[in-house]
Amino acid sequence: MQTTEAEDVNPDDNQTVFRLPDVYLLHAEALAELGKDEAARAKVNQVRTRAGAPNLTSSGQDLKNDIFFERCREFMGEAHYWYDVVRTKRIVNPLYEFGYHCTVDQFNTGAWTWPIDPKNRINNPGITLNTYWL
């Protein structure tokens, strides 16, 4: 928050805000990964009903894809896409790249992470870089 003089009045206000659709869609994603398609559809359809969209009827991998794209629509412009493609490992598929692509080997060695600032590694010698950044 800033005052009219553009003074930052909350310099350490770094709260993360989760919207309820994020909770529902992450829950749906987890349920779909566990093979609980009916419960996953119920969760994602709560979000779709609120948006006036028809209910999903898909299952299996199609349901997982539908949930992924529902997240893309719901959170467009909210900086979720990167985390979604990394979490679902779609980042290794060129169909989902958006200015960045990594191979399976690069993903497995930490290419999807940021390098750790050298100052932080000096302050804490227990911190090491992921294999990719060595």
Protein backbone atom coordinates (compact mmCIF):
# COMPACT_ATOMS: atom_id res chain seq x y z
CA MET A 1 0.00 0.00 0.00
CA GLN A 2 1.24 3.48 -0.77
CA THR A 3 0.21 6.90 0.45
CA THR A 4 -0.46 9.79 -1.89
CA GLU A 5 3.22 10.76 -1.57
CA ALA A 6 4.15 7.29 -2.92
CA GLU A 7 5.66 6.32 0.42
CA ASP A 8 5.60 2.58 1.03
CA VAL A 9 3.71 2.19 4.31
CA ASN A 10 3.93 -1.62 4.34
CA PRO A 11 7.54 -2.39 3.41
CA ASP A 12 7.43 -5.90 4.84
CA ASP A 13 3.92 -6.76 3.72
CA ASN A 14 4.72 -9.85 1.66
CA GLN A 15 1.58 -11.88 2.24
CA THR A 16 0.57 -14.51 -0.26
CA VAL A 17 -3.09 -14.38 -1.21
CA PHE A 18 -4.84 -17.58 -2.27
CA ARG A 19 -8.17 -17.22 -4.00
CA LEU A 20 -10.76 -19.90 -3.29
CA PRO A 21 -10.73 -21.13 -6.92
CA ASP A 22 -6.99 -21.79 -6.50
CA VAL A 23 -7.71 -24.03 -3.51
CA TYR A 24 -10.50 -25.85 -5.35
CA LEU A 25 -8.46 -26.37 -8.53
CA LEU A 26 -5.33 -27.53 -6.68
CA HIS A 27 -7.53 -29.95 -4.74
CA ALA A 28 -9.10 -31.14 -8.01
CA GLU A 29 -5.64 -31.62 -9.50
CA ALA A 30 -4.51 -33.69 -6.51
CA LEU A 31 -7.67 -35.81 -6.61
CA ALA A 32 -7.23 -36.42 -10.35
CA GLU A 33 -3.62 -37.50 -9.77
CA LEU A 34 -4.90 -40.00 -7.19
CA GLY A 35 -7.40 -41.37 -9.72
CA LYS A 36 -10.41 -39.92 -7.86
CA ASP A 37 -11.96 -38.48 -10.99
CA GLU A 38 -15.51 -38.05 -9.66
CA ALA A 39 -14.33 -36.01 -6.66
CA ALA A 40 -11.93 -34.03 -8.89
CA ARG A 41 -14.73 -33.18 -11.33
CA ALA A 42 -16.93 -32.03 -8.45
CA LYS A 43 -14.24 -29.57 -7.29
CA VAL A 44 -13.42 -28.15 -10.71
CA ASN A 45 -17.11 -27.92 -11.57
CA GLN A 46 -17.68 -25.70 -8.52
CA VAL A 47 -15.33 -23.18 -10.13
CA ARG A 48 -16.89 -23.62 -13.57
CA THR A 49 -20.44 -23.24 -12.23
CA ARG A 50 -19.51 -19.92 -10.61
CA ALA A 51 -18.14 -18.79 -13.99
CA GLY A 52 -21.27 -19.91 -15.85
CA ALA A 53 -19.37 -22.64 -17.73
CA PRO A 54 -20.78 -26.14 -18.34
CA ASN A 55 -19.66 -28.99 -16.11
CA LEU A 56 -16.74 -31.17 -17.13
CA THR A 57 -17.43 -34.83 -17.84
CA SER A 58 -13.90 -35.94 -18.72
CA SER A 59 -11.81 -38.48 -16.85
CA GLY A 60 -8.24 -39.77 -16.68
CA GLN A 61 -5.61 -37.75 -18.54
CA ASP A 62 -8.30 -35.69 -20.28
CA LEU A 63 -9.55 -34.54 -16.87
CA LYS A 64 -6.00 -33.62 -15.79
CA ASN A 65 -5.62 -31.60 -18.98
CA ASP A 66 -9.00 -29.92 -18.44
CA ILE A 67 -8.02 -28.94 -14.89
CA PHE A 68 -4.69 -27.54 -16.14
CA PHE A 69 -6.42 -25.40 -18.77
CA GLU A 70 -9.10 -24.33 -16.29
CA ARG A 71 -6.26 -23.00 -14.12
CA CYS A 72 -4.86 -21.19 -17.18
CA ARG A 73 -8.20 -19.46 -17.76
CA GLU A 74 -8.97 -18.76 -14.11
CA PHE A 75 -5.57 -17.30 -13.25
CA MET A 76 -4.62 -15.58 -16.49
CA GLY A 77 -2.40 -12.63 -15.65
CA GLU A 78 -1.89 -13.74 -12.05
CA ALA A 79 1.54 -15.39 -12.55
CA HIS A 80 0.41 -18.98 -11.92
CA TYR A 81 1.35 -20.46 -15.30
CA TRP A 82 5.07 -20.96 -14.58
CA TYR A 83 4.35 -22.80 -11.33
CA ASP A 84 1.65 -24.89 -12.98
CA VAL A 85 3.88 -26.06 -15.86
CA VAL A 86 6.72 -26.83 -13.45
CA ARG A 87 4.52 -28.64 -10.91
CA THR A 88 2.87 -30.76 -13.61
CA LYS A 89 6.21 -31.25 -15.44
CA ARG A 90 4.64 -29.91 -18.63
CA ILE A 91 7.66 -27.63 -18.90
CA VAL A 92 9.56 -30.47 -20.57
CA ASN A 93 6.93 -30.57 -23.34
CA PRO A 94 7.51 -27.97 -26.10
CA LEU A 95 3.72 -27.56 -26.45
CA TYR A 96 3.66 -25.70 -23.14
CA GLU A 97 6.84 -23.65 -23.40
CA PHE A 98 6.44 -19.92 -23.18
CA GLY A 99 9.84 -18.45 -23.87
CA TYR A 100 11.56 -21.22 -21.91
CA HIS A 101 11.94 -24.94 -22.47
CA CYS A 102 14.02 -27.47 -20.64
CA THR A 103 14.74 -31.11 -21.30
CA VAL A 104 13.88 -33.88 -18.85
CA ASP A 105 17.55 -34.07 -17.79
CA GLN A 106 17.69 -30.30 -17.23
CA PHE A 107 14.45 -30.43 -15.25
CA ASN A 108 15.77 -33.25 -13.06
CA THR A 109 18.95 -31.30 -12.25
CA GLY A 110 17.10 -28.12 -11.27
CA ALA A 111 16.93 -25.98 -14.43
CA TRP A 112 13.46 -24.80 -13.40
CA THR A 113 14.85 -23.19 -10.23
CA TRP A 114 16.56 -19.83 -9.82
CA PRO A 115 20.27 -19.81 -8.99
CA ILE A 116 21.01 -18.95 -5.35
CA ASP A 117 22.60 -15.54 -4.81
CA PRO A 118 26.33 -15.91 -3.93
CA LYS A 119 25.84 -13.59 -0.91
CA ASN A 120 23.35 -16.05 0.55
CA ARG A 121 25.76 -18.93 0.04
CA ILE A 122 28.54 -16.96 1.79
CA ASN A 123 26.24 -16.16 4.72
CA ASN A 124 25.12 -19.77 4.96
CA PRO A 125 27.74 -22.28 3.78
CA GLY A 126 25.16 -25.07 4.15
CA ILE A 127 23.34 -23.78 1.06
CA THR A 128 24.45 -25.31 -2.22
CA LEU A 129 23.39 -24.68 -5.78
CA ASN A 130 21.23 -27.19 -7.58
CA THR A 131 23.24 -29.43 -9.88
CA TYR A 132 22.08 -27.53 -12.97
CA TRP A 133 23.70 -24.27 -11.76
CA LEU A 134 27.09 -25.74 -10.80
